[in-house]
Full PDB file with SEQRES, HELIX, SHEET, SSBOND, CRYST1, ORIGX, SCALE, CONECT and MASTER records, all heavy atoms in Angstrom:
SEQRES   1 A   40  GLY ASP ASP ILE ASP TRP LEU VAL PRO HIS GLN ALA ASN          
SEQRES   2 A   40  LEU ARG ILE ILE ASP ALA THR ARG ALA ARG ILE GLY LEU          
SEQRES   3 A   40  ALA GLU GLU LYS VAL MET ILE ASN ILE HIS LYS TYR GLY          
SEQRES   4 A   40  ASN                                                          
HELIX    1 AA1 LEU A   14  ARG A   23  1                                  10    
HELIX    2 AA2 GLU A   28  LYS A   30  5                                   3    
HELIX    3 AA3 ILE A   35  TYR A   38  1                                   4    
CRYST1    1.000    1.000    1.000  90.00  90.00  90.00 P 1           1          
ORIGX1      1.000000  0.000000  0.000000        0.00000                         
ORIGX2      0.000000  1.000000  0.000000        0.00000                         
ORIGX3      0.000000  0.000000  1.000000        0.00000                         
SCALE1      1.000000  0.000000  0.000000        0.00000                         
SCALE2      0.000000  1.000000  0.000000        0.00000                         
SCALE3      0.000000  0.000000  1.000000        0.00000                         
ATOM      1  N   GLY A   1     -63.885  34.354 -75.164  1.00  0.00           N  
ATOM      2  CA  GLY A   1     -62.938  33.324 -75.550  1.00  0.00           C  
ATOM      3  C   GLY A   1     -63.551  32.314 -76.504  1.00  0.00           C  
ATOM      4  O   GLY A   1     -62.876  31.841 -77.429  1.00  0.00           O  
ATOM      5  N   ASP A   2     -64.824  31.990 -76.285  1.00  0.00           N  
ATOM      6  CA  ASP A   2     -65.481  30.999 -77.134  1.00  0.00           C  
ATOM      7  C   ASP A   2     -65.658  31.441 -78.568  1.00  0.00           C  
ATOM      8  O   ASP A   2     -65.881  30.637 -79.477  1.00  0.00           O  
ATOM      9  CB  ASP A   2     -66.871  30.659 -76.551  1.00  0.00           C  
ATOM     10  CG  ASP A   2     -66.778  29.870 -75.250  1.00  0.00           C  
ATOM     11  OD1 ASP A   2     -65.708  29.291 -74.979  1.00  0.00           O  
ATOM     12  OD2 ASP A   2     -67.779  29.811 -74.505  1.00  0.00           O  
ATOM     13  N   ASP A   3     -65.565  32.763 -78.786  1.00  0.00           N  
ATOM     14  CA  ASP A   3     -65.715  33.304 -80.131  1.00  0.00           C  
ATOM     15  C   ASP A   3     -64.419  33.197 -80.945  1.00  0.00           C  
ATOM     16  O   ASP A   3     -64.434  33.409 -82.161  1.00  0.00           O  
ATOM     17  CB  ASP A   3     -66.131  34.800 -80.064  1.00  0.00           C  
ATOM     18  CG  ASP A   3     -67.455  34.980 -79.356  1.00  0.00           C  
ATOM     19  OD1 ASP A   3     -68.401  34.209 -79.657  1.00  0.00           O  
ATOM     20  OD2 ASP A   3     -67.552  35.891 -78.532  1.00  0.00           O  
ATOM     21  N   ILE A   4     -63.310  32.934 -80.280  1.00  0.00           N  
ATOM     22  CA  ILE A   4     -62.006  32.925 -80.947  1.00  0.00           C  
ATOM     23  C   ILE A   4     -61.647  31.513 -81.395  1.00  0.00           C  
ATOM     24  O   ILE A   4     -61.712  30.566 -80.621  1.00  0.00           O  
ATOM     25  CB  ILE A   4     -60.914  33.473 -79.989  1.00  0.00           C  
ATOM     26  CG1 ILE A   4     -61.281  34.876 -79.515  1.00  0.00           C  
ATOM     27  CG2 ILE A   4     -59.551  33.457 -80.682  1.00  0.00           C  
ATOM     28  CD1 ILE A   4     -61.509  35.888 -80.629  1.00  0.00           C  
ATOM     29  N   ASP A   5     -61.309  31.392 -82.655  1.00  0.00           N  
ATOM     30  CA  ASP A   5     -60.916  30.097 -83.208  1.00  0.00           C  
ATOM     31  C   ASP A   5     -59.441  29.800 -82.978  1.00  0.00           C  
ATOM     32  O   ASP A   5     -59.066  28.642 -82.770  1.00  0.00           O  
ATOM     33  CB  ASP A   5     -61.221  30.034 -84.709  1.00  0.00           C  
ATOM     34  CG  ASP A   5     -62.710  30.158 -85.004  1.00  0.00           C  
ATOM     35  OD1 ASP A   5     -63.431  29.171 -84.745  1.00  0.00           O  
ATOM     36  OD2 ASP A   5     -63.143  31.224 -85.466  1.00  0.00           O  
ATOM     37  N   TRP A   6     -58.590  30.863 -83.036  1.00  0.00           N  
ATOM     38  CA  TRP A   6     -57.151  30.657 -82.869  1.00  0.00           C  
ATOM     39  C   TRP A   6     -56.501  31.846 -82.176  1.00  0.00           C  
ATOM     40  O   TRP A   6     -56.785  33.002 -82.547  1.00  0.00           O  
ATOM     41  CB  TRP A   6     -56.462  30.465 -84.234  1.00  0.00           C  
ATOM     42  CG  TRP A   6     -56.840  29.215 -84.943  1.00  0.00           C  
ATOM     43  CD1 TRP A   6     -57.753  29.089 -85.958  1.00  0.00           C  
ATOM     44  CD2 TRP A   6     -56.347  27.892 -84.699  1.00  0.00           C  
ATOM     45  NE1 TRP A   6     -57.848  27.771 -86.350  1.00  0.00           N  
ATOM     46  CE2 TRP A   6     -56.986  27.016 -85.598  1.00  0.00           C  
ATOM     47  CE3 TRP A   6     -55.417  27.363 -83.795  1.00  0.00           C  
ATOM     48  CZ2 TRP A   6     -56.739  25.657 -85.624  1.00  0.00           C  
ATOM     49  CZ3 TRP A   6     -55.179  26.003 -83.835  1.00  0.00           C  
ATOM     50  CH2 TRP A   6     -55.822  25.167 -84.733  1.00  0.00           C  
ATOM     51  N   LEU A   7     -55.653  31.555 -81.198  1.00  0.00           N  
ATOM     52  CA  LEU A   7     -54.737  32.542 -80.661  1.00  0.00           C  
ATOM     53  C   LEU A   7     -53.386  32.309 -81.371  1.00  0.00           C  
ATOM     54  O   LEU A   7     -52.889  31.187 -81.402  1.00  0.00           O  
ATOM     55  CB  LEU A   7     -54.542  32.351 -79.144  1.00  0.00           C  
ATOM     56  CG  LEU A   7     -53.439  33.217 -78.494  1.00  0.00           C  
ATOM     57  CD1 LEU A   7     -53.763  34.700 -78.569  1.00  0.00           C  
ATOM     58  CD2 LEU A   7     -53.236  32.775 -77.037  1.00  0.00           C  
ATOM     59  N   VAL A   8     -52.875  33.393 -81.950  1.00  0.00           N  
ATOM     60  CA  VAL A   8     -51.571  33.326 -82.653  1.00  0.00           C  
ATOM     61  C   VAL A   8     -50.611  34.177 -81.856  1.00  0.00           C  
ATOM     62  O   VAL A   8     -50.451  35.380 -82.116  1.00  0.00           O  
ATOM     63  CB  VAL A   8     -51.675  33.837 -84.109  1.00  0.00           C  
ATOM     64  CG1 VAL A   8     -50.423  33.490 -84.886  1.00  0.00           C  
ATOM     65  CG2 VAL A   8     -52.916  33.252 -84.801  1.00  0.00           C  
ATOM     66  N   PRO A   9     -49.928  33.578 -80.871  1.00  0.00           N  
ATOM     67  CA  PRO A   9     -49.086  34.380 -79.990  1.00  0.00           C  
ATOM     68  C   PRO A   9     -47.627  34.431 -80.443  1.00  0.00           C  
ATOM     69  O   PRO A   9     -47.114  33.486 -81.091  1.00  0.00           O  
ATOM     70  CB  PRO A   9     -49.172  33.593 -78.666  1.00  0.00           C  
ATOM     71  CG  PRO A   9     -49.304  32.166 -79.105  1.00  0.00           C  
ATOM     72  CD  PRO A   9     -50.010  32.170 -80.439  1.00  0.00           C  
ATOM     73  N   HIS A  10     -46.976  35.526 -80.097  1.00  0.00           N  
ATOM     74  CA  HIS A  10     -45.519  35.571 -80.275  1.00  0.00           C  
ATOM     75  C   HIS A  10     -44.894  34.428 -79.498  1.00  0.00           C  
ATOM     76  O   HIS A  10     -45.259  34.169 -78.342  1.00  0.00           O  
ATOM     77  CB  HIS A  10     -45.002  36.916 -79.761  1.00  0.00           C  
ATOM     78  CG  HIS A  10     -43.511  36.982 -79.663  1.00  0.00           C  
ATOM     79  ND1 HIS A  10     -42.680  36.684 -80.733  1.00  0.00           N  
ATOM     80  CD2 HIS A  10     -42.695  37.287 -78.612  1.00  0.00           C  
ATOM     81  CE1 HIS A  10     -41.432  36.821 -80.338  1.00  0.00           C  
ATOM     82  NE2 HIS A  10     -41.398  37.161 -79.082  1.00  0.00           N  
ATOM     83  N   GLN A  11     -43.938  33.754 -80.140  1.00  0.00           N  
ATOM     84  CA  GLN A  11     -43.328  32.536 -79.546  1.00  0.00           C  
ATOM     85  C   GLN A  11     -42.055  32.917 -78.774  1.00  0.00           C  
ATOM     86  O   GLN A  11     -40.953  32.705 -79.246  1.00  0.00           O  
ATOM     87  CB  GLN A  11     -43.015  31.536 -80.658  1.00  0.00           C  
ATOM     88  CG  GLN A  11     -44.178  31.252 -81.597  1.00  0.00           C  
ATOM     89  CD  GLN A  11     -45.250  30.374 -80.941  1.00  0.00           C  
ATOM     90  OE1 GLN A  11     -44.970  29.277 -80.470  1.00  0.00           O  
ATOM     91  NE2 GLN A  11     -46.471  30.862 -80.952  1.00  0.00           N  
ATOM     92  N   ALA A  12     -42.228  33.462 -77.604  1.00  0.00           N  
ATOM     93  CA  ALA A  12     -41.106  33.843 -76.763  1.00  0.00           C  
ATOM     94  C   ALA A  12     -40.859  32.860 -75.643  1.00  0.00           C  
ATOM     95  O   ALA A  12     -39.701  32.547 -75.315  1.00  0.00           O  
ATOM     96  CB  ALA A  12     -41.311  35.249 -76.173  1.00  0.00           C  
ATOM     97  N   ASN A  13     -41.952  32.388 -75.052  1.00  0.00           N  
ATOM     98  CA  ASN A  13     -41.849  31.527 -73.888  1.00  0.00           C  
ATOM     99  C   ASN A  13     -43.190  30.833 -73.719  1.00  0.00           C  
ATOM    100  O   ASN A  13     -44.243  31.490 -73.751  1.00  0.00           O  
ATOM    101  CB  ASN A  13     -41.489  32.371 -72.655  1.00  0.00           C  
ATOM    102  CG  ASN A  13     -41.322  31.552 -71.399  1.00  0.00           C  
ATOM    103  OD1 ASN A  13     -42.277  30.960 -70.899  1.00  0.00           O  
ATOM    104  ND2 ASN A  13     -40.110  31.519 -70.882  1.00  0.00           N  
ATOM    105  N   LEU A  14     -43.168  29.537 -73.506  1.00  0.00           N  
ATOM    106  CA  LEU A  14     -44.408  28.768 -73.395  1.00  0.00           C  
ATOM    107  C   LEU A  14     -45.279  29.228 -72.239  1.00  0.00           C  
ATOM    108  O   LEU A  14     -46.508  29.230 -72.325  1.00  0.00           O  
ATOM    109  CB  LEU A  14     -44.089  27.267 -73.277  1.00  0.00           C  
ATOM    110  CG  LEU A  14     -45.171  26.275 -73.709  1.00  0.00           C  
ATOM    111  CD1 LEU A  14     -45.662  26.579 -75.112  1.00  0.00           C  
ATOM    112  CD2 LEU A  14     -44.632  24.855 -73.612  1.00  0.00           C  
ATOM    113  N   ARG A  15     -44.645  29.667 -71.142  1.00  0.00           N  
ATOM    114  CA  ARG A  15     -45.409  30.100 -69.989  1.00  0.00           C  
ATOM    115  C   ARG A  15     -46.131  31.442 -70.251  1.00  0.00           C  
ATOM    116  O   ARG A  15     -47.244  31.646 -69.758  1.00  0.00           O  
ATOM    117  CB  ARG A  15     -44.467  30.207 -68.771  1.00  0.00           C  
ATOM    118  CG  ARG A  15     -43.976  28.866 -68.250  1.00  0.00           C  
ATOM    119  CD  ARG A  15     -43.097  29.033 -67.029  1.00  0.00           C  
ATOM    120  NE  ARG A  15     -41.827  29.691 -67.322  1.00  0.00           N  
ATOM    121  CZ  ARG A  15     -40.930  30.064 -66.416  1.00  0.00           C  
ATOM    122  NH1 ARG A  15     -41.213  29.863 -65.137  1.00  0.00           N  
ATOM    123  NH2 ARG A  15     -39.813  30.621 -66.791  1.00  0.00           N  
ATOM    124  N   ILE A  16     -45.501  32.308 -71.039  1.00  0.00           N  
ATOM    125  CA  ILE A  16     -46.162  33.561 -71.413  1.00  0.00           C  
ATOM    126  C   ILE A  16     -47.344  33.297 -72.336  1.00  0.00           C  
ATOM    127  O   ILE A  16     -48.429  33.867 -72.175  1.00  0.00           O  
ATOM    128  CB  ILE A  16     -45.144  34.491 -72.113  1.00  0.00           C  
ATOM    129  CG1 ILE A  16     -44.027  34.898 -71.147  1.00  0.00           C  
ATOM    130  CG2 ILE A  16     -45.875  35.744 -72.657  1.00  0.00           C  
ATOM    131  CD1 ILE A  16     -42.884  35.634 -71.810  1.00  0.00           C  
ATOM    132  N   ILE A  17     -47.164  32.360 -73.268  1.00  0.00           N  
ATOM    133  CA  ILE A  17     -48.251  31.964 -74.161  1.00  0.00           C  
ATOM    134  C   ILE A  17     -49.420  31.415 -73.372  1.00  0.00           C  
ATOM    135  O   ILE A  17     -50.578  31.761 -73.608  1.00  0.00           O  
ATOM    136  CB  ILE A  17     -47.747  30.942 -75.206  1.00  0.00           C  
ATOM    137  CG1 ILE A  17     -46.735  31.583 -76.134  1.00  0.00           C  
ATOM    138  CG2 ILE A  17     -48.920  30.350 -75.977  1.00  0.00           C  
ATOM    139  CD1 ILE A  17     -46.030  30.609 -77.068  1.00  0.00           C  
ATOM    140  N   ASP A  18     -49.130  30.545 -72.405  1.00  0.00           N  
ATOM    141  CA  ASP A  18     -50.182  29.913 -71.621  1.00  0.00           C  
ATOM    142  C   ASP A  18     -50.929  30.933 -70.760  1.00  0.00           C  
ATOM    143  O   ASP A  18     -52.135  30.822 -70.581  1.00  0.00           O  
ATOM    144  CB  ASP A  18     -49.579  28.786 -70.747  1.00  0.00           C  
ATOM    145  CG  ASP A  18     -50.656  27.847 -70.250  1.00  0.00           C  
ATOM    146  OD1 ASP A  18     -51.410  27.316 -71.097  1.00  0.00           O  
ATOM    147  OD2 ASP A  18     -50.764  27.616 -69.048  1.00  0.00           O  
ATOM    148  N   ALA A  19     -50.214  31.915 -70.247  1.00  0.00           N  
ATOM    149  CA  ALA A  19     -50.854  32.950 -69.426  1.00  0.00           C  
ATOM    150  C   ALA A  19     -51.839  33.764 -70.283  1.00  0.00           C  
ATOM    151  O   ALA A  19     -52.923  34.115 -69.816  1.00  0.00           O  
ATOM    152  CB  ALA A  19     -49.803  33.865 -68.804  1.00  0.00           C  
ATOM    153  N   THR A  20     -51.450  34.048 -71.519  1.00  0.00           N  
ATOM    154  CA  THR A  20     -52.324  34.792 -72.426  1.00  0.00           C  
ATOM    155  C   THR A  20     -53.536  33.979 -72.777  1.00  0.00           C  
ATOM    156  O   THR A  20     -54.671  34.478 -72.783  1.00  0.00           O  
ATOM    157  CB  THR A  20     -51.544  35.172 -73.705  1.00  0.00           C  
ATOM    158  OG1 THR A  20     -50.398  35.930 -73.343  1.00  0.00           O  
ATOM    159  CG2 THR A  20     -52.422  36.012 -74.625  1.00  0.00           C  
ATOM    160  N   ARG A  21     -53.322  32.706 -73.078  1.00  0.00           N  
ATOM    161  CA  ARG A  21     -54.424  31.797 -73.394  1.00  0.00           C  
ATOM    162  C   ARG A  21     -55.451  31.726 -72.262  1.00  0.00           C  
ATOM    163  O   ARG A  21     -56.662  31.829 -72.461  1.00  0.00           O  
ATOM    164  CB  ARG A  21     -53.878  30.390 -73.701  1.00  0.00           C  
ATOM    165  CG  ARG A  21     -54.958  29.344 -73.944  1.00  0.00           C  
ATOM    166  CD  ARG A  21     -54.436  27.933 -73.756  1.00  0.00           C  
ATOM    167  NE  ARG A  21     -54.002  27.664 -72.391  1.00  0.00           N  
ATOM    168  CZ  ARG A  21     -54.818  27.417 -71.354  1.00  0.00           C  
ATOM    169  NH1 ARG A  21     -56.133  27.452 -71.557  1.00  0.00           N  
ATOM    170  NH2 ARG A  21     -54.331  27.175 -70.172  1.00  0.00           N  
ATOM    171  N   ALA A  22     -54.922  31.567 -71.047  1.00  0.00           N  
ATOM    172  CA  ALA A  22     -55.795  31.442 -69.863  1.00  0.00           C  
ATOM    173  C   ALA A  22     -56.557  32.720 -69.630  1.00  0.00           C  
ATOM    174  O   ALA A  22     -57.748  32.698 -69.242  1.00  0.00           O  
ATOM    175  CB  ALA A  22     -54.979  31.077 -68.641  1.00  0.00           C  
ATOM    176  N   ARG A  23     -55.925  33.871 -69.860  1.00  0.00           N  
ATOM    177  CA  ARG A  23     -56.576  35.158 -69.600  1.00  0.00           C  
ATOM    178  C   ARG A  23     -57.807  35.387 -70.470  1.00  0.00           C  
ATOM    179  O   ARG A  23     -58.804  35.929 -70.006  1.00  0.00           O  
ATOM    180  CB  ARG A  23     -55.568  36.308 -69.816  1.00  0.00           C  
ATOM    181  CG  ARG A  23     -56.131  37.678 -69.567  1.00  0.00           C  
ATOM    182  CD  ARG A  23     -56.484  37.900 -68.071  1.00  0.00           C  
ATOM    183  NE  ARG A  23     -57.169  39.147 -67.870  1.00  0.00           N  
ATOM    184  CZ  ARG A  23     -56.558  40.339 -67.763  1.00  0.00           C  
ATOM    185  NH1 ARG A  23     -55.241  40.405 -67.800  1.00  0.00           N  
ATOM    186  NH2 ARG A  23     -57.249  41.426 -67.562  1.00  0.00           N  
ATOM    187  N   ILE A  24     -57.738  34.923 -71.727  1.00  0.00           N  
ATOM    188  CA  ILE A  24     -58.885  35.141 -72.610  1.00  0.00           C  
ATOM    189  C   ILE A  24     -59.800  33.903 -72.659  1.00  0.00           C  
ATOM    190  O   ILE A  24     -60.741  33.885 -73.443  1.00  0.00           O  
ATOM    191  CB  ILE A  24     -58.439  35.543 -74.016  1.00  0.00           C  
ATOM    192  CG1 ILE A  24     -57.613  34.470 -74.691  1.00  0.00           C  
ATOM    193  CG2 ILE A  24     -57.678  36.860 -73.991  1.00  0.00           C  
ATOM    194  CD1 ILE A  24     -57.243  34.795 -76.137  1.00  0.00           C  
ATOM    195  N   GLY A  25     -59.531  32.915 -71.795  1.00  0.00           N  
ATOM    196  CA  GLY A  25     -60.407  31.776 -71.676  1.00  0.00           C  
ATOM    197  C   GLY A  25     -60.450  30.873 -72.890  1.00  0.00           C  
ATOM    198  O   GLY A  25     -61.521  30.434 -73.354  1.00  0.00           O  
ATOM    199  N   LEU A  26     -59.267  30.556 -73.413  1.00  0.00           N  
ATOM    200  CA  LEU A  26     -59.171  29.754 -74.639  1.00  0.00           C  
ATOM    201  C   LEU A  26     -58.637  28.367 -74.322  1.00  0.00           C  
ATOM    202  O   LEU A  26     -57.771  28.202 -73.481  1.00  0.00           O  
ATOM    203  CB  LEU A  26     -58.238  30.464 -75.625  1.00  0.00           C  
ATOM    204  CG  LEU A  26     -58.506  30.296 -77.130  1.00  0.00           C  
ATOM    205  CD1 LEU A  26     -59.916  30.800 -77.476  1.00  0.00           C  
ATOM    206  CD2 LEU A  26     -57.457  31.050 -77.921  1.00  0.00           C  
ATOM    207  N   ALA A  27     -59.170  27.350 -75.008  1.00  0.00           N  
ATOM    208  CA  ALA A  27     -58.689  25.985 -74.846  1.00  0.00           C  
ATOM    209  C   ALA A  27     -57.307  25.838 -75.476  1.00  0.00           C  
ATOM    210  O   ALA A  27     -56.955  26.544 -76.422  1.00  0.00           O  
ATOM    211  CB  ALA A  27     -59.656  25.007 -75.500  1.00  0.00           C  
ATOM    212  N   GLU A  28     -56.500  24.931 -74.910  1.00  0.00           N  
ATOM    213  CA  GLU A  28     -55.114  24.740 -75.381  1.00  0.00           C  
ATOM    214  C   GLU A  28     -55.054  24.388 -76.849  1.00  0.00           C  
ATOM    215  O   GLU A  28     -54.106  24.792 -77.561  1.00  0.00           O  
ATOM    216  CB  GLU A  28     -54.429  23.651 -74.536  1.00  0.00           C  
ATOM    217  CG  GLU A  28     -54.156  24.071 -73.106  1.00  0.00           C  
ATOM    218  CD  GLU A  28     -53.398  22.999 -72.326  1.00  0.00           C  
ATOM    219  OE1 GLU A  28     -52.899  22.048 -72.988  1.00  0.00           O  
ATOM    220  OE2 GLU A  28     -53.318  23.107 -71.098  1.00  0.00           O  
ATOM    221  N   GLU A  29     -56.049  23.642 -77.336  1.00  0.00           N  
ATOM    222  CA  GLU A  29     -55.990  23.202 -78.733  1.00  0.00           C  
ATOM    223  C   GLU A  29     -56.279  24.324 -79.716  1.00  0.00           C  
ATOM    224  O   GLU A  29     -56.173  24.141 -80.940  1.00  0.00           O  
ATOM    225  CB  GLU A  29     -56.945  22.053 -78.982  1.00  0.00           C  
ATOM    226  CG  GLU A  29     -58.406  22.360 -78.692  1.00  0.00           C  
ATOM    227  CD  GLU A  29     -58.827  22.025 -77.275  1.00  0.00           C  
ATOM    228  OE1 GLU A  29     -57.942  21.922 -76.399  1.00  0.00           O  
ATOM    229  OE2 GLU A  29     -60.047  21.872 -77.039  1.00  0.00           O  
ATOM    230  N   LYS A  30     -56.617  25.509 -79.224  1.00  0.00           N  
ATOM    231  CA  LYS A  30     -56.869  26.654 -80.089  1.00  0.00           C  
ATOM    232  C   LYS A  30     -55.677  27.637 -80.157  1.00  0.00           C  
ATOM    233  O   LYS A  30     -55.807  28.738 -80.618  1.00  0.00           O  
ATOM    234  CB  LYS A  30     -58.096  27.412 -79.628  1.00  0.00           C  
ATOM    235  CG  LYS A  30     -59.419  26.667 -79.854  1.00  0.00           C  
ATOM    236  CD  LYS A  30     -60.594  27.540 -79.493  1.00  0.00           C  
ATOM    237  CE  LYS A  30     -61.915  26.872 -79.858  1.00  0.00           C  
ATOM    238  NZ  LYS A  30     -63.057  27.777 -79.602  1.00  0.00           N  
ATOM    239  N   VAL A  31     -54.531  27.184 -79.686  1.00  0.00           N  
ATOM    240  CA  VAL A  31     -53.336  28.041 -79.652  1.00  0.00           C  
ATOM    241  C   VAL A  31     -52.292  27.504 -80.613  1.00  0.00           C  
ATOM    242  O   VAL A  31     -51.949  26.328 -80.599  1.00  0.00           O  
ATOM    243  CB  VAL A  31     -52.752  28.097 -78.230  1.00  0.00           C  
ATOM    244  CG1 VAL A  31     -51.578  29.090 -78.179  1.00  0.00           C  
ATOM    245  CG2 VAL A  31     -53.813  28.506 -77.222  1.00  0.00           C  
ATOM    246  N   MET A  32     -51.790  28.378 -81.477  1.00  0.00           N  
ATOM    247  CA  MET A  32     -50.713  27.985 -82.397  1.00  0.00           C  
ATOM    248  C   MET A  32     -49.397  28.042 -81.652  1.00  0.00           C  
ATOM    249  O   MET A  32     -49.008  29.099 -81.143  1.00  0.00           O  
ATOM    250  CB  MET A  32     -50.676  28.934 -83.612  1.00  0.00           C  
ATOM    251  CG  MET A  32     -51.906  28.888 -84.477  1.00  0.00           C  
ATOM    252  SD  MET A  32     -51.694  29.916 -85.961  1.00  0.00           S  
ATOM    253  CE  MET A  32     -53.388  29.893 -86.619  1.00  0.00           C  
ATOM    254  N   ILE A  33     -48.688  26.921 -81.594  1.00  0.00           N  
ATOM    255  CA  ILE A  33     -47.395  26.853 -80.896  1.00  0.00           C  
ATOM    256  C   ILE A  33     -46.389  26.096 -81.766  1.00  0.00           C  
ATOM    257  O   ILE A  33     -46.611  24.945 -82.149  1.00  0.00           O  
ATOM    258  CB  ILE A  33     -47.540  26.124 -79.544  1.00  0.00           C  
ATOM    259  CG1 ILE A  33     -48.467  26.925 -78.594  1.00  0.00           C  
ATOM    260  CG2 ILE A  33     -46.185  25.929 -78.887  1.00  0.00           C  
ATOM    261  CD1 ILE A  33     -48.783  26.234 -77.298  1.00  0.00           C  
ATOM    262  N   ASN A  34     -45.309  26.777 -82.091  1.00  0.00           N  
ATOM    263  CA  ASN A  34     -44.184  26.099 -82.784  1.00  0.00           C  
ATOM    264  C   ASN A  34     -42.852  26.498 -82.166  1.00  0.00           C  
ATOM    265  O   ASN A  34     -41.788  26.295 -82.754  1.00  0.00           O  
ATOM    266  CB  ASN A  34     -44.204  26.358 -84.279  1.00  0.00           C  
ATOM    267  CG  ASN A  34     -44.109  27.844 -84.631  1.00  0.00           C  
ATOM    268  OD1 ASN A  34     -43.783  28.670 -83.799  1.00  0.00           O  
ATOM    269  ND2 ASN A  34     -44.425  28.162 -85.871  1.00  0.00           N  
ATOM    270  N   ILE A  35     -42.906  27.058 -80.944  1.00  0.00           N  
ATOM    271  CA  ILE A  35     -41.696  27.505 -80.251  1.00  0.00           C  
ATOM    272  C   ILE A  35     -40.701  26.359 -80.052  1.00  0.00           C  
ATOM    273  O   ILE A  35     -39.494  26.544 -80.050  1.00  0.00           O  
ATOM    274  CB  ILE A  35     -42.043  28.175 -78.911  1.00  0.00           C  
ATOM    275  CG1 ILE A  35     -40.786  28.825 -78.289  1.00  0.00           C  
ATOM    276  CG2 ILE A  35     -42.685  27.209 -77.948  1.00  0.00           C  
ATOM    277  CD1 ILE A  35     -41.078  29.657 -77.064  1.00  0.00           C  
ATOM    278  N   HIS A  36     -41.240  25.136 -79.886  1.00  0.00           N  
ATOM    279  CA  HIS A  36     -40.361  23.974 -79.666  1.00  0.00           C  
ATOM    280  C   HIS A  36     -39.467  23.704 -80.866  1.00  0.00           C  
ATOM    281  O   HIS A  36     -38.348  23.161 -80.724  1.00  0.00           O  
ATOM    282  CB  HIS A  36     -41.199  22.729 -79.347  1.00  0.00           C  
ATOM    283  CG  HIS A  36     -42.219  22.414 -80.395  1.00  0.00           C  
ATOM    284  ND1 HIS A  36     -43.311  23.218 -80.633  1.00  0.00           N  
ATOM    285  CD2 HIS A  36     -42.309  21.364 -81.285  1.00  0.00           C  
ATOM    286  CE1 HIS A  36     -44.034  22.676 -81.612  1.00  0.00           C  
ATOM    287  NE2 HIS A  36     -43.466  21.573 -82.017  1.00  0.00           N  
ATOM    288  N   LYS A  37     -39.929  24.117 -82.070  1.00  0.00           N  
ATOM    289  CA  LYS A  37     -39.141  23.854 -83.297  1.00  0.00           C  
ATOM    290  C   LYS A  37     -38.235  25.017 -83.709  1.00  0.00           C  
ATOM    291  O   LYS A  37     -37.165  24.795 -84.271  1.00  0.00           O  
ATOM    292  CB  LYS A  37     -40.105  23.575 -84.449  1.00  0.00           C  
ATOM    293  CG  LYS A  37     -40.889  22.297 -84.318  1.00  0.00           C  
ATOM    294  CD  LYS A  37     -41.547  21.918 -85.604  1.00  0.00           C  
ATOM    295  CE  LYS A  37     -42.603  22.887 -86.038  1.00  0.00           C  
ATOM    296  NZ  LYS A  37     -43.322  22.431 -87.256  1.00  0.00           N  
ATOM    297  N   TYR A  38     -38.687  26.247 -83.450  1.00  0.00           N  
ATOM    298  CA  TYR A  38     -37.995  27.408 -84.008  1.00  0.00           C  
ATOM    299  C   TYR A  38     -37.468  28.389 -82.959  1.00  0.00           C  
ATOM    300  O   TYR A  38     -36.711  29.302 -83.311  1.00  0.00           O  
ATOM    301  CB  TYR A  38     -38.910  28.166 -84.960  1.00  0.00           C  
ATOM    302  CG  TYR A  38     -39.496  27.336 -86.058  1.00  0.00           C  
ATOM    303  CD1 TYR A  38     -40.840  27.384 -86.381  1.00  0.00           C  
ATOM    304  CD2 TYR A  38     -38.697  26.443 -86.800  1.00  0.00           C  
ATOM    305  CE1 TYR A  38     -41.388  26.621 -87.402  1.00  0.00           C  
ATOM    306  CE2 TYR A  38     -39.219  25.679 -87.809  1.00  0.00           C  
ATOM    307  CZ  TYR A  38     -40.576  25.760 -88.118  1.00  0.00           C  
ATOM    308  OH  TYR A  38     -41.092  25.008 -89.112  1.00  0.00           O  
ATOM    309  N   GLY A  39     -37.862  28.223 -81.698  1.00  0.00           N  
ATOM    310  CA  GLY A  39     -37.459  29.205 -80.698  1.00  0.00           C  
ATOM    311  C   GLY A  39     -38.110  30.546 -80.983  1.00  0.00           C  
ATOM    312  O   GLY A  39     -39.138  30.632 -81.644  1.00  0.00           O  
ATOM    313  N   ASN A  40     -37.494  31.616 -80.496  1.00  0.00           N  
ATOM    314  CA  ASN A  40     -37.991  32.968 -80.677  1.00  0.00           C  
ATOM    315  C   ASN A  40     -37.313  33.599 -81.883  1.00  0.00           C  
ATOM    316  O   ASN A  40     -36.133  33.959 -81.823  1.00  0.00           O  
ATOM    317  CB  ASN A  40     -37.723  33.794 -79.413  1.00  0.00           C  
ATOM    318  CG  ASN A  40     -38.255  35.200 -79.507  1.00  0.00           C  
ATOM    319  OD1 ASN A  40     -38.693  35.656 -80.582  1.00  0.00           O  
ATOM    320  ND2 ASN A  40     -38.205  35.922 -78.392  1.00  0.00           N  
TER     321      ASN A  40                                                      
MASTER        0    0    0    3    0    0    0    6  320    1    0    4          
END                                                                             
């Protein structure tokens, strides 16, 4: 996880994104999230 600069997840659901982030051990600030603006 420390080797990854950014997770670029499909924006379907914030909980799914967070589960993926947690699984690979990534900090929240390294995740691209714009689901709040554009939805899926």
